[in-house]
Protein backbone atom coordinates (compact mmCIF):
# COMPACT_ATOMS: atom_id res chain seq x y z
CA UNK A 1 35.25 11.54 23.17
CA UNK A 2 36.11 14.76 21.40
CA UNK A 3 37.04 16.23 18.03
CA UNK A 4 39.54 18.89 17.01
CA UNK A 5 41.25 20.20 13.90
CA UNK A 6 44.50 20.39 15.90
CA UNK A 7 44.62 17.39 18.24
CA UNK A 8 47.99 18.32 19.71
CA UNK A 9 46.70 21.71 20.81
CA UNK A 10 43.41 20.27 22.12
CA UNK A 11 45.06 17.57 24.23
CA UNK A 12 47.83 19.89 25.43
CA UNK A 13 45.21 22.34 26.75
CA UNK A 14 44.15 19.83 29.43
CA UNK A 15 47.64 19.54 30.93
CA UNK A 16 49.00 23.09 30.80
CA UNK A 17 49.99 24.56 34.20
CA UNK A 18 47.27 26.93 35.36
CA UNK A 19 44.79 25.76 32.71
CA UNK A 20 41.23 26.91 33.45
CA UNK A 21 39.41 23.59 33.58
CA UNK A 22 36.00 22.75 35.00
CA UNK A 23 35.96 20.33 37.98
CA UNK A 24 34.87 17.46 35.70
CA UNK A 25 37.69 18.10 33.22
CA UNK A 26 40.24 18.25 36.07
CA UNK A 27 39.14 14.81 37.27
CA UNK A 28 39.34 13.48 33.70
CA UNK A 29 42.85 14.87 33.21
CA UNK A 30 44.02 13.10 36.40
CA UNK A 31 42.47 9.77 35.37
CA UNK A 32 43.51 9.61 31.70
CA UNK A 33 45.72 6.60 30.89
CA UNK A 34 46.14 6.63 27.11
CA UNK A 35 44.71 8.21 23.95
CA UNK A 36 43.28 6.68 20.79
CA UNK A 37 42.79 8.80 17.66
CA UNK A 38 40.87 8.40 14.40
CA UNK A 39 41.40 10.69 11.42
CA UNK A 40 38.42 11.54 9.19
CA UNK A 41 37.95 13.61 6.04
CA UNK A 42 36.03 16.62 7.33
CA UNK A 43 34.17 18.22 10.24
CA UNK A 44 30.83 16.60 9.36
CA UNK A 45 32.36 13.13 9.53
CA UNK A 46 34.03 14.06 12.82
CA UNK A 47 30.68 15.16 14.31
CA UNK A 48 28.97 11.94 13.20
CA UNK A 49 31.79 9.74 14.52
CA UNK A 50 31.86 11.57 17.86
CA UNK A 51 28.09 11.16 18.27
CA UNK A 52 28.27 7.44 17.39
CA UNK A 53 31.10 6.77 19.85
CA UNK A 54 29.37 8.66 22.66
CA UNK A 55 26.21 6.59 22.15
CA UNK A 56 28.21 3.36 21.94
CA UNK A 57 30.50 3.84 24.95
CA UNK A 58 28.56 6.38 27.07
CA UNK A 59 31.73 7.97 28.50
CA UNK A 60 31.19 9.64 31.89
CA UNK A 61 32.87 12.91 30.87
CA UNK A 62 30.62 13.54 27.85
CA UNK A 63 27.11 14.89 28.21
CA UNK A 64 24.29 12.56 27.14
CA UNK A 65 21.70 14.15 24.85
CA UNK A 66 18.56 12.31 25.98
CA UNK A 67 16.14 10.50 23.62
CA UNK A 68 17.81 11.60 20.38
CA UNK A 69 17.33 8.10 18.91
CA UNK A 70 13.57 8.61 18.99
CA UNK A 71 13.50 12.04 17.31
CA UNK A 72 11.18 12.32 14.33
CA UNK A 73 12.13 13.59 10.86
CA UNK A 74 10.11 14.28 7.70
CA UNK A 75 11.71 12.79 4.57
CA UNK A 76 11.02 13.61 0.90
CA UNK A 77 12.39 10.83 -1.30
CA UNK A 78 13.57 12.44 -4.55
CA UNK A 79 14.75 9.05 -5.83
CA UNK A 80 11.14 8.77 -7.05
CA UNK A 81 9.59 10.73 -9.94
CA UNK A 82 6.66 11.46 -7.63
CA UNK A 83 8.36 11.63 -4.22
CA UNK A 84 6.70 10.21 -1.13
CA UNK A 85 6.62 12.38 2.00
CA UNK A 86 6.83 10.37 5.23
CA UNK A 87 7.91 10.32 8.87
CA UNK A 88 11.18 8.53 9.68
CA UNK A 89 13.38 7.92 12.71
CA UNK A 90 17.16 7.46 12.59
CA UNK A 91 17.32 8.39 8.88
CA UNK A 92 20.22 7.29 6.69
CA UNK A 93 21.81 10.35 5.01
CA UNK A 94 21.28 10.42 1.23
CA UNK A 95 21.80 13.09 -1.43
CA UNK A 96 18.36 12.48 -2.94
CA UNK A 97 16.39 12.30 0.31
CA UNK A 98 15.53 15.71 1.76
CA UNK A 99 15.20 15.68 5.55
CA UNK A 100 13.46 18.13 7.87
CA UNK A 101 13.93 17.91 11.62
CA UNK A 102 14.54 16.57 14.09
CA UNK A 103 11.19 17.26 15.75
CA UNK A 104 11.74 16.64 19.44
CA UNK A 105 8.02 17.07 20.25
CA UNK A 106 6.71 14.55 17.71
CA UNK A 107 3.05 15.11 18.60
CA UNK A 108 3.11 18.70 17.34
CA UNK A 109 4.39 17.91 13.85
CA UNK A 110 2.09 14.88 13.63
CA UNK A 111 -0.88 17.14 14.32
CA UNK A 112 0.24 19.71 11.74
CA UNK A 113 1.24 17.28 8.97
CA UNK A 114 -2.33 16.28 7.92
CA UNK A 115 -2.97 19.99 7.26
CA UNK A 116 0.00 20.16 4.86
CA UNK A 117 -0.94 16.83 3.28
CA UNK A 118 -4.51 17.96 2.59
CA UNK A 119 -3.62 21.52 1.57
CA UNK A 120 -0.80 20.60 -0.83
CA UNK A 121 -1.93 17.13 -1.98
CA UNK A 122 1.21 15.36 -0.73
CA UNK A 123 1.77 11.70 -1.54
CA UNK A 124 2.22 9.49 1.55
CA UNK A 125 1.43 6.04 0.09
CA UNK A 126 3.86 3.56 -1.53
CA UNK A 127 1.82 2.98 -4.70
CA UNK A 128 3.68 3.56 -8.00
CA UNK A 129 3.08 6.78 -9.92
CA UNK A 130 1.07 5.08 -12.67
CA UNK A 131 -1.36 3.52 -10.17
CA UNK A 132 -3.25 6.41 -8.52
CA UNK A 133 -4.42 5.81 -4.97
CA UNK A 134 -7.96 6.42 -3.70
CA UNK A 135 -7.02 9.90 -2.44
CA UNK A 136 -5.72 10.75 -5.94
CA UNK A 137 -9.03 9.70 -7.48
CA UNK A 138 -10.72 12.22 -5.17
CA UNK A 139 -8.26 14.97 -6.14
CA UNK A 140 -6.65 15.01 -2.68
CA UNK A 141 -3.26 13.56 -3.70
CA UNK A 142 -1.19 15.00 -6.56
CA UNK A 143 1.69 12.52 -6.26
CA UNK A 144 0.69 10.32 -9.21
CA UNK A 145 0.87 10.50 -12.99
CA UNK A 146 -2.53 12.09 -13.60
CA UNK A 147 -1.81 13.46 -17.07
CA UNK A 148 0.39 16.04 -18.85
CA UNK A 149 2.09 18.46 -16.48
CA UNK A 150 1.21 16.50 -13.33
CA UNK A 151 4.86 15.88 -12.41
CA UNK A 152 5.73 19.57 -12.69
CA UNK A 153 2.69 20.56 -10.63
CA UNK A 154 3.48 18.04 -7.89
CA UNK A 155 7.11 19.13 -7.65
CA UNK A 156 5.88 22.72 -7.29
CA UNK A 157 3.73 21.59 -4.35
CA UNK A 158 6.79 19.91 -2.82
CA UNK A 159 8.70 23.17 -3.21
CA UNK A 160 5.94 24.95 -1.28
CA UNK A 161 6.05 22.25 1.38
CA UNK A 162 9.82 22.68 1.80
CA UNK A 163 9.35 26.43 2.23
CA UNK A 164 6.62 25.84 4.82
CA UNK A 165 8.87 23.43 6.71
CA UNK A 166 11.41 26.25 6.90
CA UNK A 167 8.73 28.55 8.33
CA UNK A 168 8.34 30.66 5.19
CA UNK A 169 4.53 30.87 5.05
CA UNK A 170 4.39 34.43 3.70
CA UNK A 171 6.42 33.69 0.54
CA UNK A 172 4.27 30.65 -0.25
CA UNK A 173 1.04 32.62 0.15
CA UNK A 174 2.40 35.43 -2.08
CA UNK A 175 3.33 32.96 -4.84
CA UNK A 176 0.00 31.15 -4.58
CA UNK A 177 -1.88 34.47 -4.82
CA UNK A 178 -0.17 35.18 -8.16
CA UNK A 179 -0.93 31.66 -9.38
CA UNK A 180 -4.60 32.04 -8.44
CA UNK A 181 -4.86 35.30 -10.39
CA UNK A 182 -3.18 33.73 -13.44
CA UNK A 183 -5.52 30.73 -13.28
CA UNK A 184 -8.55 33.02 -13.08
CA UNK A 185 -7.27 35.11 -16.04
CA UNK A 186 -6.89 31.99 -18.17
CA UNK A 187 -10.41 30.90 -17.05
CA UNK A 188 -9.08 27.79 -15.27
CA UNK A 189 -11.64 28.33 -12.51
CA UNK A 190 -11.31 24.86 -10.99
CA UNK A 191 -7.59 25.39 -10.36
CA UNK A 192 -8.18 28.93 -9.12
CA UNK A 193 -10.73 27.64 -6.60
CA UNK A 194 -8.33 24.96 -5.38
CA UNK A 195 -5.55 27.55 -4.86
CA UNK A 196 -8.04 29.84 -3.09
CA UNK A 197 -8.78 27.05 -0.59
CA UNK A 198 -5.03 26.51 -0.06
CA UNK A 199 -4.55 30.21 0.61
CA UNK A 200 -7.35 30.32 3.16
CA UNK A 201 -5.86 27.38 5.03
CA UNK A 202 -2.35 28.88 5.02
CA UNK A 203 -3.61 32.25 6.24
CA UNK A 204 -5.37 30.54 9.15
CA UNK A 205 -2.00 28.96 9.98
CA UNK A 206 -0.30 32.38 9.81
CA UNK A 207 -2.79 33.83 12.28
CA UNK A 208 -1.63 31.32 14.91
CA UNK A 209 2.05 32.33 14.60
CA UNK A 210 3.72 34.96 16.78
CA UNK A 211 5.57 37.81 15.04
CA UNK A 212 8.61 38.78 17.14
CA UNK A 213 10.58 40.83 14.62
CA UNK A 214 9.39 43.23 11.93
CA UNK A 215 12.72 42.81 10.09
CA UNK A 216 11.61 39.38 8.77
CA UNK A 217 14.99 37.85 9.68
CA UNK A 218 15.74 34.21 10.51
CA UNK A 219 17.81 33.07 13.49
CA UNK A 220 17.79 30.64 16.43
CA UNK A 221 17.80 31.60 20.11
CA UNK A 222 18.99 29.20 22.82
CA UNK A 223 18.46 29.24 26.56
CA UNK A 224 20.14 27.07 29.21
CA UNK A 225 19.43 25.90 32.76
CA UNK A 226 21.51 23.51 34.89
CA UNK A 227 20.94 21.70 38.17
CA UNK A 228 23.03 18.91 39.66
CA UNK A 229 23.87 16.29 37.04
CA UNK A 230 21.27 17.48 34.51
CA UNK A 231 20.74 20.44 32.22
CA UNK A 232 18.08 21.65 29.81
CA UNK A 233 18.43 23.65 26.62
CA UNK A 234 15.52 25.31 24.80
CA UNK A 235 15.68 26.44 21.17
CA UNK A 236 13.41 29.20 19.86
CA UNK A 237 13.44 29.15 16.02
CA UNK A 238 12.65 32.51 14.41
CA UNK A 239 11.92 32.32 10.67
CA UNK A 240 11.30 35.54 8.71
CA UNK A 241 10.39 37.29 11.95
CA UNK A 242 7.95 34.61 13.12
CA UNK A 243 8.49 32.47 16.23
CA UNK A 244 7.89 28.81 15.40
CA UNK A 245 7.36 26.04 17.94
CA UNK A 246 10.21 25.68 20.43
CA UNK A 247 12.26 22.54 21.12
CA UNK A 248 13.40 21.40 24.57
CA UNK A 249 16.42 19.14 25.14
CA UNK A 250 17.50 17.24 28.25
CA UNK A 251 21.14 16.50 28.97
CA UNK A 252 22.67 14.18 31.57
CA UNK A 253 26.18 13.83 33.03
CA UNK A 254 26.62 17.61 33.22
CA UNK A 255 27.82 17.81 36.84
CA UNK A 256 31.09 19.72 37.09
CA UNK A 257 30.77 21.19 33.58
CA UNK A 258 30.51 24.91 32.97
CA UNK A 259 27.64 26.39 30.95
CA UNK A 260 30.11 27.12 28.15
CA UNK A 261 31.19 23.46 28.02
CA UNK A 262 27.58 22.22 28.10
CA UNK A 263 26.57 24.46 25.18
CA UNK A 264 29.67 23.54 23.17
CA UNK A 265 29.11 19.79 23.60
CA UNK A 266 25.40 20.16 22.88
CA UNK A 267 26.04 21.85 19.54
CA UNK A 268 28.66 19.27 18.57
CA UNK A 269 26.07 16.50 19.02
CA UNK A 270 22.92 18.30 17.86
CA UNK A 271 24.35 19.91 14.73
CA UNK A 272 25.26 16.50 13.29
CA UNK A 273 21.57 15.49 13.37
CA UNK A 274 19.61 18.68 12.72
CA UNK A 275 18.49 19.75 9.25
CA UNK A 276 16.50 22.83 10.27
CA UNK A 277 19.29 25.13 11.47
CA UNK A 278 20.07 28.63 10.24
CA UNK A 279 23.46 30.33 10.37
CA UNK A 280 22.73 33.00 13.01
CA UNK A 281 22.59 31.67 16.58
CA UNK A 282 22.04 33.83 19.69
CA UNK A 283 23.20 32.55 23.09
CA UNK A 284 23.05 33.80 26.69
CA UNK A 285 26.85 33.54 27.07
CA UNK A 286 29.91 33.74 24.83
CA UNK A 287 31.61 30.49 23.78
CA UNK A 288 35.41 30.26 23.77
CA UNK A 289 35.47 28.76 20.26
CA UNK A 290 32.77 27.95 17.71
CA UNK A 291 31.95 24.22 18.18
CA UNK A 292 30.41 24.03 14.67
CA UNK A 293 31.95 26.08 11.86
CA UNK A 294 28.75 26.34 9.78
CA UNK A 295 27.02 28.34 12.53
CA UNK A 296 27.68 31.92 13.60
CA UNK A 297 27.43 32.19 17.42
CA UNK A 298 26.55 35.56 18.93
CA UNK A 299 25.65 36.89 22.36
CA UNK A 300 22.36 38.77 22.59
CA UNK A 301 23.06 41.83 24.76
CA UNK A 302 19.99 44.06 24.31
CA UNK A 303 16.73 44.62 22.48
CA UNK A 304 14.42 41.97 21.03
CA UNK A 305 17.07 39.28 20.87
CA UNK A 306 18.01 39.73 24.54
CA UNK A 307 14.34 39.44 25.49
CA UNK A 308 14.11 36.25 23.44
CA UNK A 309 17.22 34.83 25.14
CA UNK A 310 15.68 35.62 28.55
CA UNK A 311 12.50 33.84 27.42
CA UNK A 312 14.55 30.84 26.26
CA UNK A 313 16.42 30.74 29.61
CA UNK A 314 13.14 30.82 31.52
CA UNK A 315 11.67 28.09 29.29
CA UNK A 316 14.79 25.97 29.84
CA UNK A 317 14.44 26.40 33.61
CA UNK A 318 10.78 25.30 33.46
CA UNK A 319 11.67 22.37 31.21
CA UNK A 320 14.41 21.26 33.61
CA UNK A 321 12.24 21.60 36.72
CA UNK A 322 9.39 19.61 35.16
CA UNK A 323 11.78 16.91 33.94
CA UNK A 324 13.61 16.61 37.26
CA UNK A 325 10.29 16.45 39.12
CA UNK A 326 9.12 13.71 36.75
CA UNK A 327 12.37 11.75 37.24
CA UNK A 328 12.08 12.11 41.00
CA UNK A 329 8.48 10.86 41.01
CA UNK A 330 9.48 7.85 38.91
CA UNK A 331 12.47 7.11 41.16
CA UNK A 332 10.35 7.38 44.33
CA UNK A 333 7.72 5.02 42.89
CA UNK A 334 10.43 2.63 41.70
CA UNK A 335 12.19 2.57 45.10
CA UNK A 336 8.92 1.86 46.90
CA UNK A 337 8.05 -0.88 44.41
CA UNK A 338 11.46 -2.52 44.82
CA UNK A 339 11.16 -2.52 48.61
CA UNK A 340 7.77 -4.22 48.36
CA UNK A 341 9.14 -6.82 45.91
CA UNK A 342 11.96 -7.64 48.34
CA UNK A 343 9.36 -8.43 51.01
CA UNK A 344 6.95 -10.31 48.70
CA UNK A 345 9.63 -12.61 47.27
CA UNK A 346 11.68 -12.82 50.47
CA UNK A 347 14.79 -11.61 48.64
CA UNK A 348 18.08 -11.05 50.51
CA UNK A 349 18.27 -7.47 49.19
CA UNK A 350 16.31 -4.96 47.12
CA UNK A 351 16.48 -6.26 43.50
CA UNK A 352 18.78 -4.10 41.38
CA UNK A 353 18.28 -5.94 38.07
CA UNK A 354 14.89 -7.38 37.08
CA UNK A 355 14.37 -9.17 33.75
CA UNK A 356 10.98 -9.62 32.06
CA UNK A 357 10.24 -12.17 29.31
CA UNK A 358 7.43 -12.51 26.76
CA UNK A 359 6.61 -14.50 23.59
CA UNK A 360 4.96 -12.97 20.49
CA UNK A 361 3.54 -15.05 17.61
CA UNK A 362 0.40 -16.03 15.72
CA UNK A 363 -0.27 -19.79 15.88
CA UNK A 364 3.42 -20.43 16.36
CA UNK A 365 4.52 -18.64 13.16
CA UNK A 366 7.43 -16.18 13.21
CA UNK A 367 7.65 -16.65 16.98
CA UNK A 368 9.95 -14.22 18.77
CA UNK A 369 10.94 -13.72 22.38
CA UNK A 370 11.70 -10.48 24.17
CA UNK A 371 13.77 -9.73 27.24
CA UNK A 372 13.53 -6.32 28.89
CA UNK A 373 15.42 -5.06 31.93
CA UNK A 374 14.77 -2.76 34.86
CA UNK A 375 17.85 -1.39 36.60
CA UNK A 376 17.01 0.09 40.01
CA UNK A 377 13.36 -0.01 38.99
CA UNK A 378 13.73 1.99 35.74
CA UNK A 379 13.82 0.73 32.11
CA UNK A 380 17.36 0.04 30.88
CA UNK A 381 16.95 -0.33 27.12
CA UNK A 382 20.62 -0.94 26.36
CA UNK A 383 20.19 -4.37 27.99
CA UNK A 384 17.04 -5.33 26.05
CA UNK A 385 17.43 -8.46 23.91
CA UNK A 386 15.43 -10.24 21.16
CA UNK A 387 15.27 -13.99 20.48
CA UNK A 388 14.23 -15.90 17.35
CA UNK A 389 12.32 -18.92 18.61
CA UNK A 390 12.59 -22.37 17.05
CA UNK A 391 8.84 -23.03 16.94
CA UNK A 392 7.71 -26.56 17.93
CA UNK A 393 5.62 -28.72 15.57
CA UNK A 394 2.48 -27.61 17.42
CA UNK A 395 2.21 -24.01 18.65
CA UNK A 396 3.12 -23.98 22.34
CA UNK A 397 3.82 -20.63 24.02
CA UNK A 398 4.86 -22.31 27.27
CA UNK A 399 7.58 -24.43 25.65
CA UNK A 400 8.78 -21.45 23.58
CA UNK A 401 9.09 -19.35 26.74
CA UNK A 402 11.12 -22.12 28.40
CA UNK A 403 13.38 -22.36 25.34
CA UNK A 404 14.10 -18.62 25.50
CA UNK A 405 14.96 -18.69 29.22
CA UNK A 406 17.28 -21.69 28.81
CA UNK A 407 19.09 -19.99 25.92
CA UNK A 408 19.37 -16.75 27.88
CA UNK A 409 21.15 -18.44 30.81
CA UNK A 410 23.16 -21.16 29.05
CA UNK A 411 24.40 -19.33 25.95
CA UNK A 412 24.84 -15.82 27.32
CA UNK A 413 26.79 -16.41 30.50
CA UNK A 414 28.56 -13.04 30.23
CA UNK A 415 25.30 -11.11 30.71
CA UNK A 416 24.67 -9.87 34.28
CA UNK A 417 22.46 -12.19 36.30
CA UNK A 418 19.08 -10.83 37.42
CA UNK A 419 17.93 -10.58 41.01
CA UNK A 420 14.38 -11.40 39.88
CA UNK A 421 12.75 -12.87 36.74
CA UNK A 422 9.21 -11.95 35.63
CA UNK A 423 7.33 -14.15 33.13
CA UNK A 424 4.26 -13.14 31.17
CA UNK A 425 1.79 -15.90 32.04
CA UNK A 426 0.46 -18.03 34.84
CA UNK A 427 1.08 -21.27 36.72
CA UNK A 428 1.87 -23.30 33.57
CA UNK A 429 4.56 -20.88 32.40
CA UNK A 430 6.09 -20.66 35.86
CA UNK A 431 6.32 -24.42 36.50
CA UNK A 432 7.61 -25.25 32.98
CA UNK A 433 10.31 -22.58 33.03
CA UNK A 434 11.36 -23.47 36.60
CA UNK A 435 11.70 -27.15 35.63
CA UNK A 436 13.66 -26.31 32.44
CA UNK A 437 16.10 -24.07 34.32
CA UNK A 438 16.57 -26.55 37.17
CA UNK A 439 17.86 -29.12 34.65
CA UNK A 440 20.81 -26.77 34.10
CA UNK A 441 21.14 -26.09 37.85
CA UNK A 442 19.93 -22.51 37.39
CA UNK A 443 18.13 -21.36 40.52
CA UNK A 444 17.02 -17.73 40.45
CA UNK A 445 13.99 -15.93 41.96
CA UNK A 446 11.15 -16.43 39.51
CA UNK A 447 7.51 -15.32 39.21
CA UNK A 448 4.73 -15.05 36.61
CA UNK A 449 2.20 -12.27 36.16
CA UNK A 450 -1.10 -13.20 34.51
CA UNK A 451 -3.02 -10.70 32.39
CA UNK A 452 -6.55 -9.45 33.12
CA UNK A 453 -6.78 -10.42 36.80
CA UNK A 454 -3.13 -9.42 37.41
CA UNK A 455 -2.44 -12.45 39.60
CA UNK A 456 1.13 -13.12 40.73
CA UNK A 457 2.19 -16.77 40.68
CA UNK A 458 5.00 -17.78 43.04
CA UNK A 459 7.04 -21.01 43.08
CA UNK A 460 5.82 -23.61 45.61
CA UNK A 461 2.63 -21.63 46.28
CA UNK A 462 -0.71 -23.18 45.33
CA UNK A 463 -2.69 -19.95 45.31
CA UNK A 464 -1.65 -16.85 43.36
CA UNK A 465 -1.11 -13.55 45.09
CA UNK A 466 -3.38 -10.60 44.31
CA UNK A 467 -2.00 -7.20 45.25
CA UNK A 468 -4.04 -3.98 45.56
CA UNK A 469 -4.38 -2.21 42.20
CA UNK A 470 -2.44 0.82 43.51
CA UNK A 471 0.41 -1.28 44.93
CA UNK A 472 3.82 0.11 43.88
CA UNK A 473 5.11 -3.46 43.45
CA UNK A 474 2.23 -4.43 41.16
CA UNK A 475 2.61 -1.26 39.08
CA UNK A 476 6.31 -2.03 38.66
CA UNK A 477 5.61 -5.62 37.56
CA UNK A 478 2.86 -4.49 35.18
CA UNK A 479 5.11 -1.89 33.58
CA UNK A 480 7.82 -4.52 33.03
CA UNK A 481 5.36 -7.07 31.63
CA UNK A 482 3.79 -4.49 29.29
CA UNK A 483 7.21 -3.25 28.14
CA UNK A 484 8.28 -6.83 27.33
CA UNK A 485 5.10 -7.26 25.28
CA UNK A 486 5.60 -3.95 23.45
CA UNK A 487 9.24 -4.72 22.66
CA UNK A 488 8.38 -8.24 21.49
CA UNK A 489 5.40 -7.32 19.33
CA UNK A 490 7.44 -4.59 17.59
CA UNK A 491 10.11 -7.17 16.69
CA UNK A 492 7.46 -9.70 15.62
CA UNK A 493 5.75 -7.21 13.29
CA UNK A 494 9.09 -6.31 11.73
CA UNK A 495 9.93 -9.98 11.00
CA UNK A 496 6.41 -10.80 9.84
CA UNK A 497 6.34 -7.81 7.46
CA UNK A 498 9.67 -8.76 5.87
CA UNK A 499 8.66 -12.40 5.55
CA UNK A 500 5.28 -11.55 4.00
CA UNK A 501 6.75 -9.17 1.42
CA UNK A 502 9.56 -11.55 0.55
CA UNK A 503 7.41 -14.67 0.21
CA UNK A 504 4.67 -12.98 -1.85
CA UNK A 505 7.10 -11.84 -4.56
CA UNK A 506 9.25 -14.97 -4.41
CA UNK A 507 6.30 -17.29 -4.89
CA UNK A 508 5.20 -15.78 -8.21
CA UNK A 509 5.51 -18.58 -10.83
CA UNK A 510 8.39 -18.28 -13.28
CA UNK A 511 9.69 -15.07 -11.71
CA UNK A 512 13.37 -14.86 -10.79
CA UNK A 513 15.41 -11.94 -9.39
CA UNK A 514 15.49 -9.99 -12.70
CA UNK A 515 11.76 -10.12 -13.42
CA UNK A 516 10.95 -9.60 -9.73
CA UNK A 517 12.90 -6.34 -9.81
CA UNK A 518 11.07 -5.22 -12.97
CA UNK A 519 7.66 -6.06 -11.51
CA UNK A 520 8.42 -4.26 -8.25
CA UNK A 521 9.54 -1.16 -10.16
CA UNK A 522 6.36 -1.19 -12.27
CA UNK A 523 3.76 -2.04 -9.63
CA UNK A 524 5.28 -1.52 -6.18
CA UNK A 525 3.02 -3.97 -4.36
CA UNK A 526 1.36 -7.36 -4.87
CA UNK A 527 -2.03 -5.69 -4.45
CA UNK A 528 -1.33 -3.38 -7.40
CA UNK A 529 0.13 -6.26 -9.43
CA UNK A 530 -3.08 -8.23 -8.90
CA UNK A 531 -5.06 -5.38 -10.51
CA UNK A 532 -2.83 -5.21 -13.62
CA UNK A 533 -4.24 -6.53 -16.90
CA UNK A 534 -2.53 -9.38 -18.71
CA UNK A 535 -1.59 -7.21 -21.69
CA UNK A 536 0.44 -4.87 -19.44
CA UNK A 537 2.14 -7.82 -17.77
CA UNK A 538 3.05 -9.40 -21.11
CA UNK A 539 5.12 -6.34 -22.05
CA UNK A 540 7.25 -6.86 -18.93
CA UNK A 541 7.54 -10.64 -18.46
CA UNK A 542 6.22 -12.19 -21.68
CA UNK A 543 2.97 -13.98 -22.50
CA UNK A 544 3.66 -17.30 -20.73
CA UNK A 545 4.75 -15.75 -17.42
CA UNK A 546 1.98 -13.12 -17.56
CA UNK A 547 -0.70 -15.81 -17.89
CA UNK A 548 0.86 -17.85 -15.08
CA UNK A 549 1.06 -14.83 -12.76
CA UNK A 550 -2.57 -13.81 -13.42
CA UNK A 551 -3.77 -17.37 -12.79
CA UNK A 552 -1.71 -17.59 -9.59
CA UNK A 553 -2.92 -14.24 -8.20
CA UNK A 554 -6.55 -14.91 -9.08
């Protein structure tokens, strides 16, 4: 997958006699059979399409930017008069939603965000502007209609927050200092005291930051390290001379690629997702062409910027070594666990594909099933699947589990068959599922793992097997069982939340789509609607409906 303004020139470059190609690109050029092209309107669309296709098809000659689906962003929703500030993943681009990120190390921004929320009075709840939350009543949230001028004041706080997200602490403190003096002059001592507290908090934050340049300039520095089929890139963001927290990125499928190619492909993927970039970028090596036109790529040859590049290179090397060591430990544990499972279940070979199944529900309602997969002992999320369960008249987890397994093997025959199946449960789950599958002549290695005592139930064995708590096989089974539960409960909560919200609004007496939309716009939630007085409701839905709604909600 690749993009180019001149496709003819780009493709021709791979087949020119004497072309300087990396080993990986030479192999690709020999194997290519045909080309497919898609024309888009601009470079941004090309970047987004390239990223989507790489994730969808996972081509072997493109690098894989690890874990980018889980990156965290901060979103400010300017569709609202009093915008909410919240964390999001995989955001949908919108002109009125301001994004900051991605934050690769989510824990760091999560630890810092409460400071900004408290200092600036940011709104993080979903309550409408005319229904102040508890924090607003205490003066800790400014994102509600609290009287004349409140909207202007809150938007000013959001402006400060945006500047802080860009690393510009000094400008915010300078502006706040002026505001504090003006408030004191006009004898608004309460506001002056509040700004004073904000300034103290921001100055404490400044003290923790490292000044690397007295010129107060903003730029990004990148370092690179490569080993085998993996590479690491570290970004050091410098904002107004201050070094902010670094980001580390892992890349796979880099074997045979030059450092120049790795950096170019990285920027093509990363730039389509990042909102926190600045124009000036310093690299350890010179790129042949600029992979992203909105950035200015430079080589740091001496001075402060060269020292920062060396620091970024060293950080990338450490990041890569730690990651590779972690992968190797996981692979060693997985291999040992698989060998033990082969012996325990008397399998003809070490199991390559293991599937785990679990049911999530509350008293049979909104029941869902989850299927997770280990490939060579490691989670393989692209093969995870979710099932909506047709709940029986009486809640019965065992029957629901059997239903899911039958559907998995009778309706999805094109999916790869597992070498081993793990059920969440005990003897009842094992015997019921085995019987249900045998009716369809499906005979695959099957076991159940019970919670608490961690007993392993085997077909045709009266007594369960109890492995040592540090057994590699048991740890592998536990990780699969727990992952199936996590995946299932996440899906269940999503369905339950949608169903609850939908049913609560839809069951209001005399309220159709038009009035439902008006009520949602005015109150935001059923809880807030319940607190509304009948006179307010009458203005929106009329006297008869207002009385009926109040009676229903009471």
